[in-house]
Amino acid sequence: MPSAIFPHSKPVLAFTCGDPAGIGAAAVLGALRSGNLRRRCVPLLVGERRVWKRAGWRPGLAQILSPGLPAASLPPYGRASAAGGASSFSALRLALRLAVRGLVSGIVTAPISKEAWDLAGIPYRDHTEFFREKTKADVQMALGIPRLKLWCLTATRHVPLRKVPRALKAVSLAQAARALKRALGLLGLARPRLGLCALNPHAGEEGLLGAEEGRILAPAVLSARRSGVDITGPIAADTAWRWHREGKLDGLVCLYHDQALIPLKVAAGLEAVNWTLGLPFVRTSPGHGTGFDIAGRSRPDCRATMAAAELAAFLCRV
């Protein structure tokens, strides 16, 4: 696609359709219809045209770029399928090509189904794993609620809870802290105050409830501090989130998925966003899933998609 198609000063954002059986495409279109989003970016809808049309696309809202999959019937709403996995992955792959070639400034991804990707034989667990493999970048997953200035980074991502302790390494935790510091710097915080969440209840109670805090987490904090990161910890996770919510900390390094997502979604429902750090382009997404239970039956809440797009548009200008 020649860049002359977009003769604008505003950043061009590629919006992927996500799983066609979910709410992703409808949430994108809802975000584009509401608010001032189109004043901040030039949207490009990436994915099969029939997916966008079923979700409510009308001419004039945004251009569509289709990956050109063979014609087939759309999978029904509400169920993971190989066809749905192939559709969402083809859109993501095309969006990546556009970003690598500099034809778009950033990507806002709609939710995919991991089950559908597996059914389609796609050898990646999620967006982040795909981007890491294709760009060879050292990526990190930040999550946040921009409106409330709540930000965290997950040291592990989509791994079973029982595998988390073995996955924690002092070196990678220090790297995560440095990545979060850089990310918050892009948002205007020159020296953010960070906290490292503990793994065990009460931060291990001096080893009585677990040894990871002393063996892994404390050395990680020391290493991060030596490299110039203002970080405290390990802090009992419930206390860390209270301090963050009260403004005593600017961001948290969380150790696993739910340690980050549960507090964020309690704080602001469906406004959480995902921000992939370390890529050579901007990538954000809403922090919720495919919404198979409501897809095609009710209008989805588009606040997270709106927040993700606004964040992407801002980051493209930093």
C-alpha atoms as a PDB file:
ATOM      1  CA  MET A   1       0.000   0.000   0.000  1.00  0.00           C
ATOM      2  CA  PRO A   2       1.633   3.304  -1.024  1.00  0.00           C
ATOM      3  CA  SER A   3       2.011   5.805   1.801  1.00  0.00           C
ATOM      4  CA  ALA A   4       0.451   8.483  -0.425  1.00  0.00           C
ATOM      5  CA  ILE A   5      -2.933   6.986   0.412  1.00  0.00           C
ATOM      6  CA  PHE A   6      -2.518   8.635   3.818  1.00  0.00           C
ATOM      7  CA  PRO A   7      -1.293  12.200   3.130  1.00  0.00           C
ATOM      8  CA  HIS A   8      -1.917  13.218   6.745  1.00  0.00           C
ATOM      9  CA  SER A   9       0.198  14.466   9.631  1.00  0.00           C
ATOM     10  CA  LYS A  10      -1.753  12.248  12.019  1.00  0.00           C
ATOM     11  CA  PRO A  11      -0.346   8.777  12.806  1.00  0.00           C
ATOM     12  CA  VAL A  12      -1.785   5.900  10.814  1.00  0.00           C
ATOM     13  CA  LEU A  13      -2.970   3.092  13.081  1.00  0.00           C
ATOM     14  CA  ALA A  14      -3.756  -0.414  11.872  1.00  0.00           C
ATOM     15  CA  PHE A  15      -6.696  -1.929  13.743  1.00  0.00           C
ATOM     16  CA  THR A  16      -6.845  -5.723  13.435  1.00  0.00           C
ATOM     17  CA  CYS A  17     -10.233  -7.419  13.476  1.00  0.00           C
ATOM     18  CA  GLY A  18      -9.438 -10.035  16.123  1.00  0.00           C
ATOM     19  CA  ASP A  19     -11.367 -13.288  16.212  1.00  0.00           C
ATOM     20  CA  PRO A  20     -14.387 -12.932  13.915  1.00  0.00           C
ATOM     21  CA  ALA A  21     -16.537 -14.872  16.397  1.00  0.00           C
ATOM     22  CA  GLY A  22     -15.855 -12.296  19.113  1.00  0.00           C
ATOM     23  CA  ILE A  23     -16.499  -8.646  19.889  1.00  0.00           C
ATOM     24  CA  GLY A  24     -13.202  -7.207  18.652  1.00  0.00           C
ATOM     25  CA  ALA A  25     -14.268  -5.786  15.296  1.00  0.00           C
ATOM     26  CA  ALA A  26     -17.477  -4.324  16.749  1.00  0.00           C
ATOM     27  CA  ALA A  27     -15.511  -2.693  19.596  1.00  0.00           C
ATOM     28  CA  VAL A  28     -13.103  -1.116  17.103  1.00  0.00           C
ATOM     29  CA  LEU A  29     -15.948   0.292  15.047  1.00  0.00           C
ATOM     30  CA  GLY A  30     -17.674   1.551  18.186  1.00  0.00           C
ATOM     31  CA  ALA A  31     -14.498   3.334  19.254  1.00  0.00           C
ATOM     32  CA  LEU A  32     -14.173   4.962  15.836  1.00  0.00           C
ATOM     33  CA  ARG A  33     -17.770   6.179  15.912  1.00  0.00           C
ATOM     34  CA  SER A  34     -17.518   7.732  19.372  1.00  0.00           C
ATOM     35  CA  GLY A  35     -15.334  10.459  20.794  1.00  0.00           C
ATOM     36  CA  ASN A  36     -12.571  12.241  18.935  1.00  0.00           C
ATOM     37  CA  LEU A  37     -10.436   9.256  17.976  1.00  0.00           C
ATOM     38  CA  ARG A  38     -10.408  10.023  14.268  1.00  0.00           C
ATOM     39  CA  ARG A  39      -9.070  13.487  15.057  1.00  0.00           C
ATOM     40  CA  ARG A  40      -6.019  11.839  16.619  1.00  0.00           C
ATOM     41  CA  CYS A  41      -5.201   9.160  14.067  1.00  0.00           C
ATOM     42  CA  VAL A  42      -5.925   7.820  10.611  1.00  0.00           C
ATOM     43  CA  PRO A  43      -7.489   4.378  11.142  1.00  0.00           C
ATOM     44  CA  LEU A  44      -6.886   1.466   8.790  1.00  0.00           C
ATOM     45  CA  LEU A  45      -9.011  -1.625   9.376  1.00  0.00           C
ATOM     46  CA  VAL A  46      -7.008  -4.790   8.748  1.00  0.00           C
ATOM     47  CA  GLY A  47      -8.829  -8.077   8.291  1.00  0.00           C
ATOM     48  CA  GLU A  48     -11.349  -9.758   6.076  1.00  0.00           C
ATOM     49  CA  ARG A  49     -13.880  -7.278   4.690  1.00  0.00           C
ATOM     50  CA  ARG A  50     -16.782  -9.580   5.506  1.00  0.00           C
ATOM     51  CA  VAL A  51     -15.745  -9.611   9.183  1.00  0.00           C
ATOM     52  CA  TRP A  52     -15.849  -5.828   9.348  1.00  0.00           C
ATOM     53  CA  LYS A  53     -19.123  -5.624   7.417  1.00  0.00           C
ATOM     54  CA  ARG A  54     -20.831  -8.107   9.729  1.00  0.00           C
ATOM     55  CA  ALA A  55     -19.611  -6.062  12.697  1.00  0.00           C
ATOM     56  CA  GLY A  56     -21.293  -2.927  11.303  1.00  0.00           C
ATOM     57  CA  TRP A  57     -18.744  -1.229   9.039  1.00  0.00           C
ATOM     58  CA  ARG A  58     -20.112   1.380   6.655  1.00  0.00           C
ATOM     59  CA  PRO A  59     -18.288   3.300   3.889  1.00  0.00           C
ATOM     60  CA  GLY A  60     -16.687   6.476   5.151  1.00  0.00           C
ATOM     61  CA  LEU A  61     -15.810   5.161   8.598  1.00  0.00           C
ATOM     62  CA  ALA A  62     -12.346   3.840   7.689  1.00  0.00           C
ATOM     63  CA  GLN A  63     -10.565   2.040   4.876  1.00  0.00           C
ATOM     64  CA  ILE A  64     -10.303  -1.750   4.978  1.00  0.00           C
ATOM     65  CA  LEU A  65      -7.256  -3.731   3.924  1.00  0.00           C
ATOM     66  CA  SER A  66      -8.047  -7.424   3.553  1.00  0.00           C
ATOM     67  CA  PRO A  67      -5.430 -10.195   3.677  1.00  0.00           C
ATOM     68  CA  GLY A  68      -7.246 -11.916   0.794  1.00  0.00           C
ATOM     69  CA  LEU A  69      -8.118 -15.262   2.339  1.00  0.00           C
ATOM     70  CA  PRO A  70     -10.062 -17.702   0.139  1.00  0.00           C
ATOM     71  CA  ALA A  71     -13.802 -17.117   0.246  1.00  0.00           C
ATOM     72  CA  ALA A  72     -15.529 -19.142   2.951  1.00  0.00           C
ATOM     73  CA  SER A  73     -18.479 -18.751   5.278  1.00  0.00           C
ATOM     74  CA  LEU A  74     -17.887 -16.698   8.405  1.00  0.00           C
ATOM     75  CA  PRO A  75     -17.674 -18.697  11.623  1.00  0.00           C
ATOM     76  CA  PRO A  76     -20.712 -18.107  13.859  1.00  0.00           C
ATOM     77  CA  TYR A  77     -20.428 -15.732  16.774  1.00  0.00           C
ATOM     78  CA  GLY A  78     -19.513 -17.137  20.169  1.00  0.00           C
ATOM     79  CA  ARG A  79     -17.391 -20.177  19.347  1.00  0.00           C
ATOM     80  CA  ALA A  80     -13.706 -20.786  18.748  1.00  0.00           C
ATOM     81  CA  SER A  81     -12.903 -22.390  15.408  1.00  0.00           C
ATOM     82  CA  ALA A  82      -9.980 -23.079  13.112  1.00  0.00           C
ATOM     83  CA  ALA A  83     -11.482 -20.677  10.558  1.00  0.00           C
ATOM     84  CA  GLY A  84     -11.675 -17.952  13.173  1.00  0.00           C
ATOM     85  CA  GLY A  85      -8.081 -18.563  14.207  1.00  0.00           C
ATOM     86  CA  ALA A  86      -6.867 -18.401  10.616  1.00  0.00           C
ATOM     87  CA  SER A  87      -8.801 -15.175  10.047  1.00  0.00           C
ATOM     88  CA  SER A  88      -7.486 -13.326  13.106  1.00  0.00           C
ATOM     89  CA  PHE A  89      -3.922 -14.507  12.481  1.00  0.00           C
ATOM     90  CA  SER A  90      -3.952 -13.420   8.836  1.00  0.00           C
ATOM     91  CA  ALA A  91      -5.007  -9.928   9.901  1.00  0.00           C
ATOM     92  CA  LEU A  92      -2.249  -9.755  12.500  1.00  0.00           C
ATOM     93  CA  ARG A  93       0.387 -10.972  10.062  1.00  0.00           C
ATOM     94  CA  LEU A  94      -0.636  -8.332   7.517  1.00  0.00           C
ATOM     95  CA  ALA A  95      -0.605  -5.576  10.144  1.00  0.00           C
ATOM     96  CA  LEU A  96       2.910  -6.585  11.147  1.00  0.00           C
ATOM     97  CA  ARG A  97       4.095  -6.363   7.536  1.00  0.00           C
ATOM     98  CA  LEU A  98       2.661  -2.858   7.291  1.00  0.00           C
ATOM     99  CA  ALA A  99       4.359  -1.770  10.506  1.00  0.00           C
ATOM    100  CA  VAL A 100       7.736  -3.247   9.573  1.00  0.00           C
ATOM    101  CA  ARG A 101       7.605  -1.461   6.215  1.00  0.00           C
ATOM    102  CA  GLY A 102       6.720   1.823   7.896  1.00  0.00           C
ATOM    103  CA  LEU A 103       3.314   2.075   6.221  1.00  0.00           C
ATOM    104  CA  VAL A 104       1.555   2.383   9.582  1.00  0.00           C
ATOM    105  CA  SER A 105       2.821   4.022  12.755  1.00  0.00           C
ATOM    106  CA  GLY A 106       1.308   1.508  15.137  1.00  0.00           C
ATOM    107  CA  ILE A 107      -0.994  -1.465  15.590  1.00  0.00           C
ATOM    108  CA  VAL A 108      -4.056  -1.762  17.820  1.00  0.00           C
ATOM    109  CA  THR A 109      -4.968  -5.419  18.067  1.00  0.00           C
ATOM    110  CA  ALA A 110      -8.444  -6.717  18.817  1.00  0.00           C
ATOM    111  CA  PRO A 111      -8.685  -9.839  21.029  1.00  0.00           C
ATOM    112  CA  ILE A 112      -7.875 -13.244  19.610  1.00  0.00           C
ATOM    113  CA  SER A 113      -8.825 -16.712  20.844  1.00  0.00           C
ATOM    114  CA  LYS A 114      -5.877 -18.858  21.885  1.00  0.00           C
ATOM    115  CA  GLU A 115      -8.047 -21.936  21.387  1.00  0.00           C
ATOM    116  CA  ALA A 116      -8.861 -20.856  17.824  1.00  0.00           C
ATOM    117  CA  TRP A 117      -5.185 -20.304  17.052  1.00  0.00           C
ATOM    118  CA  ASP A 118      -4.434 -23.762  18.358  1.00  0.00           C
ATOM    119  CA  LEU A 119      -7.218 -25.272  16.258  1.00  0.00           C
ATOM    120  CA  ALA A 120      -5.791 -23.496  13.204  1.00  0.00           C
ATOM    121  CA  GLY A 121      -2.318 -24.892  13.900  1.00  0.00           C
ATOM    122  CA  ILE A 122      -0.791 -21.476  14.576  1.00  0.00           C
ATOM    123  CA  PRO A 123       2.458 -22.002  16.535  1.00  0.00           C
ATOM    124  CA  TYR A 124       2.105 -18.967  18.828  1.00  0.00           C
ATOM    125  CA  ARG A 125       0.255 -18.625  22.103  1.00  0.00           C
ATOM    126  CA  ASP A 126      -0.595 -14.944  21.815  1.00  0.00           C
ATOM    127  CA  HIS A 127       0.141 -11.622  20.131  1.00  0.00           C
ATOM    128  CA  THR A 128       3.205 -10.918  22.258  1.00  0.00           C
ATOM    129  CA  GLU A 129       4.859 -14.234  21.454  1.00  0.00           C
ATOM    130  CA  PHE A 130       4.222 -13.683  17.739  1.00  0.00           C
ATOM    131  CA  PHE A 131       5.695 -10.190  17.770  1.00  0.00           C
ATOM    132  CA  ARG A 132       8.721 -11.314  19.780  1.00  0.00           C
ATOM    133  CA  GLU A 133       9.486 -14.126  17.350  1.00  0.00           C
ATOM    134  CA  LYS A 134       9.038 -12.068  14.197  1.00  0.00           C
ATOM    135  CA  THR A 135      10.908  -8.945  15.316  1.00  0.00           C
ATOM    136  CA  LYS A 136      13.532 -10.679  17.506  1.00  0.00           C
ATOM    137  CA  ALA A 137      12.910  -7.877  20.020  1.00  0.00           C
ATOM    138  CA  ASP A 138      13.187  -8.154  23.802  1.00  0.00           C
ATOM    139  CA  VAL A 139       9.512  -7.461  24.433  1.00  0.00           C
ATOM    140  CA  GLN A 140       7.690  -6.881  27.702  1.00  0.00           C
ATOM    141  CA  MET A 141       3.956  -6.676  28.402  1.00  0.00           C
ATOM    142  CA  ALA A 142       2.781  -3.579  30.238  1.00  0.00           C
ATOM    143  CA  LEU A 143      -0.809  -3.196  31.396  1.00  0.00           C
ATOM    144  CA  GLY A 144      -2.512  -0.087  32.584  1.00  0.00           C
ATOM    145  CA  ILE A 145      -5.432   2.247  32.960  1.00  0.00           C
ATOM    146  CA  PRO A 146      -4.256   5.532  31.460  1.00  0.00           C
ATOM    147  CA  ARG A 147      -7.130   7.555  32.930  1.00  0.00           C
ATOM    148  CA  LEU A 148      -6.197   6.513  36.473  1.00  0.00           C
ATOM    149  CA  LYS A 149      -2.429   6.496  35.865  1.00  0.00           C
ATOM    150  CA  LEU A 150      -2.201   2.879  36.982  1.00  0.00           C
ATOM    151  CA  TRP A 151       0.599   0.935  35.272  1.00  0.00           C
ATOM    152  CA  CYS A 152       2.236  -2.419  35.759  1.00  0.00           C
ATOM    153  CA  LEU A 153       4.409  -4.869  33.904  1.00  0.00           C
ATOM    154  CA  THR A 154       4.026  -8.626  34.109  1.00  0.00           C
ATOM    155  CA  ALA A 155       7.281 -10.524  34.561  1.00  0.00           C
ATOM    156  CA  THR A 156       5.603 -13.678  33.252  1.00  0.00           C
ATOM    157  CA  ARG A 157       2.700 -13.787  30.853  1.00  0.00           C
ATOM    158  CA  HIS A 158       0.416 -16.626  29.813  1.00  0.00           C
ATOM    159  CA  VAL A 159       1.953 -19.451  31.824  1.00  0.00           C
ATOM    160  CA  PRO A 160       0.247 -21.799  34.289  1.00  0.00           C
ATOM    161  CA  LEU A 161       0.389 -20.502  37.849  1.00  0.00           C
ATOM    162  CA  ARG A 162       2.293 -23.573  39.043  1.00  0.00           C
ATOM    163  CA  LYS A 163       5.147 -22.685  36.664  1.00  0.00           C
ATOM    164  CA  VAL A 164       5.521 -19.078  37.804  1.00  0.00           C
ATOM    165  CA  PRO A 165       8.036 -19.626  40.646  1.00  0.00           C
ATOM    166  CA  ARG A 166      10.416 -21.521  38.363  1.00  0.00           C
ATOM    167  CA  ALA A 167      10.107 -18.823  35.704  1.00  0.00           C
ATOM    168  CA  LEU A 168      11.241 -16.007  37.993  1.00  0.00           C
ATOM    169  CA  LYS A 169      14.873 -14.945  37.584  1.00  0.00           C
ATOM    170  CA  ALA A 170      16.599 -11.982  39.227  1.00  0.00           C
ATOM    171  CA  VAL A 171      18.128 -10.893  35.911  1.00  0.00           C
ATOM    172  CA  SER A 172      14.825 -10.857  34.018  1.00  0.00           C
ATOM    173  CA  LEU A 173      13.023  -9.095  36.869  1.00  0.00           C
ATOM    174  CA  ALA A 174      15.630  -6.327  36.867  1.00  0.00           C
ATOM    175  CA  GLN A 175      15.218  -6.057  33.094  1.00  0.00           C
ATOM    176  CA  ALA A 176      11.464  -5.777  33.566  1.00  0.00           C
ATOM    177  CA  ALA A 177      11.937  -2.939  36.043  1.00  0.00           C
ATOM    178  CA  ARG A 178      14.172  -1.076  33.611  1.00  0.00           C
ATOM    179  CA  ALA A 179      11.643  -1.572  30.808  1.00  0.00           C
ATOM    180  CA  LEU A 180       8.836  -0.189  32.960  1.00  0.00           C
ATOM    181  CA  LYS A 181      10.965   2.814  33.890  1.00  0.00           C
ATOM    182  CA  ARG A 182      11.586   3.554  30.203  1.00  0.00           C
ATOM    183  CA  ALA A 183       7.909   3.138  29.369  1.00  0.00           C
ATOM    184  CA  LEU A 184       6.761   5.514  32.081  1.00  0.00           C
ATOM    185  CA  GLY A 185       9.409   7.935  30.891  1.00  0.00           C
ATOM    186  CA  LEU A 186       7.606   8.074  27.539  1.00  0.00           C
ATOM    187  CA  LEU A 187       4.487   9.085  29.460  1.00  0.00           C
ATOM    188  CA  GLY A 188       6.319  11.994  31.079  1.00  0.00           C
ATOM    189  CA  LEU A 189       7.667  10.489  34.317  1.00  0.00           C
ATOM    190  CA  ALA A 190      11.395  11.154  34.300  1.00  0.00           C
ATOM    191  CA  ARG A 191      12.093   9.186  37.492  1.00  0.00           C
ATOM    192  CA  PRO A 192       9.132   6.938  38.247  1.00  0.00           C
ATOM    193  CA  ARG A 193       8.802   5.289  41.635  1.00  0.00           C
ATOM    194  CA  LEU A 194       8.369   1.553  41.102  1.00  0.00           C
ATOM    195  CA  GLY A 195       7.440  -1.360  43.313  1.00  0.00           C
ATOM    196  CA  LEU A 196       8.159  -5.072  42.913  1.00  0.00           C
ATOM    197  CA  CYS A 197       5.270  -7.260  44.020  1.00  0.00           C
ATOM    198  CA  ALA A 198       6.086 -10.254  46.195  1.00  0.00           C
ATOM    199  CA  LEU A 199       5.177 -13.782  45.187  1.00  0.00           C
ATOM    200  CA  ASN A 200       4.104 -15.167  48.540  1.00  0.00           C
ATOM    201  CA  PRO A 201       1.593 -13.869  51.118  1.00  0.00           C
ATOM    202  CA  HIS A 202       3.031 -11.122  53.340  1.00  0.00           C
ATOM    203  CA  ALA A 203       6.137 -11.056  51.139  1.00  0.00           C
ATOM    204  CA  GLY A 204       7.131 -14.474  52.467  1.00  0.00           C
ATOM    205  CA  GLU A 205       7.223 -13.504  56.172  1.00  0.00           C
ATOM    206  CA  GLU A 206      11.038 -13.600  56.288  1.00  0.00           C
ATOM    207  CA  GLY A 207      11.074 -17.031  54.662  1.00  0.00           C
ATOM    208  CA  LEU A 208       8.309 -18.625  56.731  1.00  0.00           C
ATOM    209  CA  LEU A 209       5.845 -18.512  53.816  1.00  0.00           C
ATOM    210  CA  GLY A 210       8.286 -18.885  50.957  1.00  0.00           C
ATOM    211  CA  ALA A 211      11.922 -18.279  50.065  1.00  0.00           C
ATOM    212  CA  GLU A 212      11.567 -16.619  46.648  1.00  0.00           C
ATOM    213  CA  GLU A 213      11.508 -13.098  48.087  1.00  0.00           C
ATOM    214  CA  GLY A 214      14.961 -13.412  49.612  1.00  0.00           C
ATOM    215  CA  ARG A 215      16.468 -15.711  46.996  1.00  0.00           C
ATOM    216  CA  ILE A 216      15.217 -14.066  43.773  1.00  0.00           C
ATOM    217  CA  LEU A 217      13.252 -10.862  44.306  1.00  0.00           C
ATOM    218  CA  ALA A 218      15.531  -8.968  46.690  1.00  0.00           C
ATOM    219  CA  PRO A 219      18.593  -9.463  44.414  1.00  0.00           C
ATOM    220  CA  ALA A 220      16.479  -8.257  41.477  1.00  0.00           C
ATOM    221  CA  VAL A 221      15.624  -5.048  43.336  1.00  0.00           C
ATOM    222  CA  LEU A 222      19.285  -4.485  44.206  1.00  0.00           C
ATOM    223  CA  SER A 223      20.340  -5.007  40.593  1.00  0.00           C
ATOM    224  CA  ALA A 224      17.674  -2.626  39.278  1.00  0.00           C
ATOM    225  CA  ARG A 225      18.652   0.040  41.799  1.00  0.00           C
ATOM    226  CA  ARG A 226      22.303  -0.220  40.746  1.00  0.00           C
ATOM    227  CA  SER A 227      21.235   0.571  37.185  1.00  0.00           C
ATOM    228  CA  GLY A 228      19.376   3.686  38.242  1.00  0.00           C
ATOM    229  CA  VAL A 229      15.833   2.427  38.799  1.00  0.00           C
ATOM    230  CA  ASP A 230      13.960   3.839  41.795  1.00  0.00           C
ATOM    231  CA  ILE A 231      12.301   0.615  42.950  1.00  0.00           C
ATOM    232  CA  THR A 232      11.094  -0.716  46.291  1.00  0.00           C
ATOM    233  CA  GLY A 233      10.420  -4.320  47.202  1.00  0.00           C
ATOM    234  CA  PRO A 234       9.562  -7.012  47.339  1.00  0.00           C
ATOM    235  CA  ILE A 235       6.268  -5.655  48.677  1.00  0.00           C
ATOM    236  CA  ALA A 236       3.268  -7.795  49.610  1.00  0.00           C
ATOM    237  CA  ALA A 237       1.124  -7.535  46.491  1.00  0.00           C
ATOM    238  CA  ASP A 238      -1.989  -6.218  48.245  1.00  0.00           C
ATOM    239  CA  THR A 239       0.049  -3.439  49.882  1.00  0.00           C
ATOM    240  CA  ALA A 240       1.841  -2.649  46.626  1.00  0.00           C
ATOM    241  CA  TRP A 241      -1.425  -2.088  44.806  1.00  0.00           C
ATOM    242  CA  ARG A 242      -2.784   0.077  47.617  1.00  0.00           C
ATOM    243  CA  TRP A 243       0.352   2.253  47.511  1.00  0.00           C
ATOM    244  CA  HIS A 244       0.076   2.525  43.739  1.00  0.00           C
ATOM    245  CA  ARG A 245      -3.602   3.486  43.901  1.00  0.00           C
ATOM    246  CA  GLU A 246      -2.789   6.123  46.531  1.00  0.00           C
ATOM    247  CA  GLY A 247      -0.075   7.634  44.339  1.00  0.00           C
ATOM    248  CA  LYS A 248       2.899   6.542  46.440  1.00  0.00           C
ATOM    249  CA  LEU A 249       4.189   4.453  43.530  1.00  0.00           C
ATOM    250  CA  ASP A 250       4.005   5.175  39.795  1.00  0.00           C
ATOM    251  CA  GLY A 251       4.134   1.580  38.551  1.00  0.00           C
ATOM    252  CA  LEU A 252       4.474  -2.025  39.642  1.00  0.00           C
ATOM    253  CA  VAL A 253       6.395  -5.041  38.417  1.00  0.00           C
ATOM    254  CA  CYS A 254       3.927  -7.916  38.873  1.00  0.00           C
ATOM    255  CA  LEU A 255       4.988 -11.533  38.795  1.00  0.00           C
ATOM    256  CA  TYR A 256       2.078 -13.194  37.012  1.00  0.00           C
ATOM    257  CA  HIS A 257      -1.026 -12.487  34.974  1.00  0.00           C
ATOM    258  CA  ASP A 258      -3.726 -12.284  37.639  1.00  0.00           C
ATOM    259  CA  GLN A 259      -1.549 -10.327  40.073  1.00  0.00           C
ATOM    260  CA  ALA A 260      -1.809  -7.536  37.503  1.00  0.00           C
ATOM    261  CA  LEU A 261      -5.203  -8.006  35.852  1.00  0.00           C
ATOM    262  CA  ILE A 262      -7.417  -8.561  38.887  1.00  0.00           C
ATOM    263  CA  PRO A 263      -6.520  -5.258  40.589  1.00  0.00           C
ATOM    264  CA  LEU A 264      -6.683  -3.335  37.310  1.00  0.00           C
ATOM    265  CA  LYS A 265     -10.115  -4.637  36.403  1.00  0.00           C
ATOM    266  CA  VAL A 266     -11.437  -4.104  39.926  1.00  0.00           C
ATOM    267  CA  ALA A 267     -10.197  -0.511  39.705  1.00  0.00           C
ATOM    268  CA  ALA A 268     -11.747   0.329  36.348  1.00  0.00           C
ATOM    269  CA  GLY A 269     -13.637  -2.564  34.809  1.00  0.00           C
ATOM    270  CA  LEU A 270     -13.033  -2.859  31.087  1.00  0.00           C
ATOM    271  CA  GLU A 271     -10.737   0.134  30.658  1.00  0.00           C
ATOM    272  CA  ALA A 272      -7.461  -1.786  30.990  1.00  0.00           C
ATOM    273  CA  VAL A 273      -5.060  -1.676  28.048  1.00  0.00           C
ATOM    274  CA  ASN A 274      -2.113  -3.810  26.987  1.00  0.00           C
ATOM    275  CA  TRP A 275       1.065  -2.118  25.728  1.00  0.00           C
ATOM    276  CA  THR A 276       3.874  -4.196  24.216  1.00  0.00           C
ATOM    277  CA  LEU A 277       7.229  -2.645  25.083  1.00  0.00           C
ATOM    278  CA  GLY A 278      10.429  -3.073  23.093  1.00  0.00           C
ATOM    279  CA  LEU A 279       8.992  -3.336  19.571  1.00  0.00           C
ATOM    280  CA  PRO A 280      10.265  -1.123  16.732  1.00  0.00           C
ATOM    281  CA  PHE A 281       6.706   0.200  16.392  1.00  0.00           C
ATOM    282  CA  VAL A 282       3.805   0.956  18.730  1.00  0.00           C
ATOM    283  CA  ARG A 283       1.431  -1.847  19.645  1.00  0.00           C
ATOM    284  CA  THR A 284      -1.472  -1.642  22.074  1.00  0.00           C
ATOM    285  CA  SER A 285      -4.689  -3.568  22.632  1.00  0.00           C
ATOM    286  CA  PRO A 286      -7.707  -3.640  24.924  1.00  0.00           C
ATOM    287  CA  GLY A 287      -7.077  -5.625  28.087  1.00  0.00           C
ATOM    288  CA  HIS A 288     -10.105  -7.911  27.724  1.00  0.00           C
ATOM    289  CA  GLY A 289     -10.831 -11.072  25.780  1.00  0.00           C
ATOM    290  CA  THR A 290     -12.992 -12.058  22.830  1.00  0.00           C
ATOM    291  CA  GLY A 291     -16.333 -11.741  24.639  1.00  0.00           C
ATOM    292  CA  PHE A 292     -17.744 -14.839  22.984  1.00  0.00           C
ATOM    293  CA  ASP A 293     -20.659 -14.788  25.444  1.00  0.00           C
ATOM    294  CA  ILE A 294     -22.013 -11.467  24.132  1.00  0.00           C
ATOM    295  CA  ALA A 295     -20.691 -11.410  20.568  1.00  0.00           C
ATOM    296  CA  GLY A 296     -23.397 -10.677  18.018  1.00  0.00           C
ATOM    297  CA  ARG A 297     -26.039 -10.206  20.713  1.00  0.00           C
ATOM    298  CA  SER A 298     -25.267  -6.884  22.359  1.00  0.00           C
ATOM    299  CA  ARG A 299     -23.130  -3.840  21.680  1.00  0.00           C
ATOM    300  CA  PRO A 300     -19.706  -4.313  23.295  1.00  0.00           C
ATOM    301  CA  ASP A 301     -18.116  -1.841  25.685  1.00  0.00           C
ATOM    302  CA  CYS A 302     -15.531  -0.037  23.551  1.00  0.00           C
ATOM    303  CA  ARG A 303     -13.786   1.950  26.318  1.00  0.00           C
ATOM    304  CA  ALA A 304     -10.705  -0.283  26.422  1.00  0.00           C
ATOM    305  CA  THR A 305     -10.336  -0.187  22.641  1.00  0.00           C
ATOM    306  CA  MET A 306     -10.721   3.588  22.733  1.00  0.00           C
ATOM    307  CA  ALA A 307      -8.098   3.886  25.481  1.00  0.00           C
ATOM    308  CA  ALA A 308      -5.705   1.563  23.631  1.00  0.00           C
ATOM    309  CA  ALA A 309      -6.062   3.577  20.426  1.00  0.00           C
ATOM    310  CA  GLU A 310      -5.598   6.905  22.204  1.00  0.00           C
ATOM    311  CA  LEU A 311      -2.481   5.573  23.908  1.00  0.00           C
ATOM    312  CA  ALA A 312      -1.107   4.317  20.581  1.00  0.00           C
ATOM    313  CA  ALA A 313      -1.765   7.662  18.907  1.00  0.00           C
ATOM    314  CA  PHE A 314       0.019   9.479  21.741  1.00  0.00           C
ATOM    315  CA  LEU A 315       3.021   7.122  21.687  1.00  0.00           C
ATOM    316  CA  CYS A 316       3.392   7.532  17.935  1.00  0.00           C
ATOM    317  CA  ARG A 317       4.059  11.229  18.558  1.00  0.00           C
ATOM    318  CA  VAL A 318       6.513  10.838  21.441  1.00  0.00           C
END
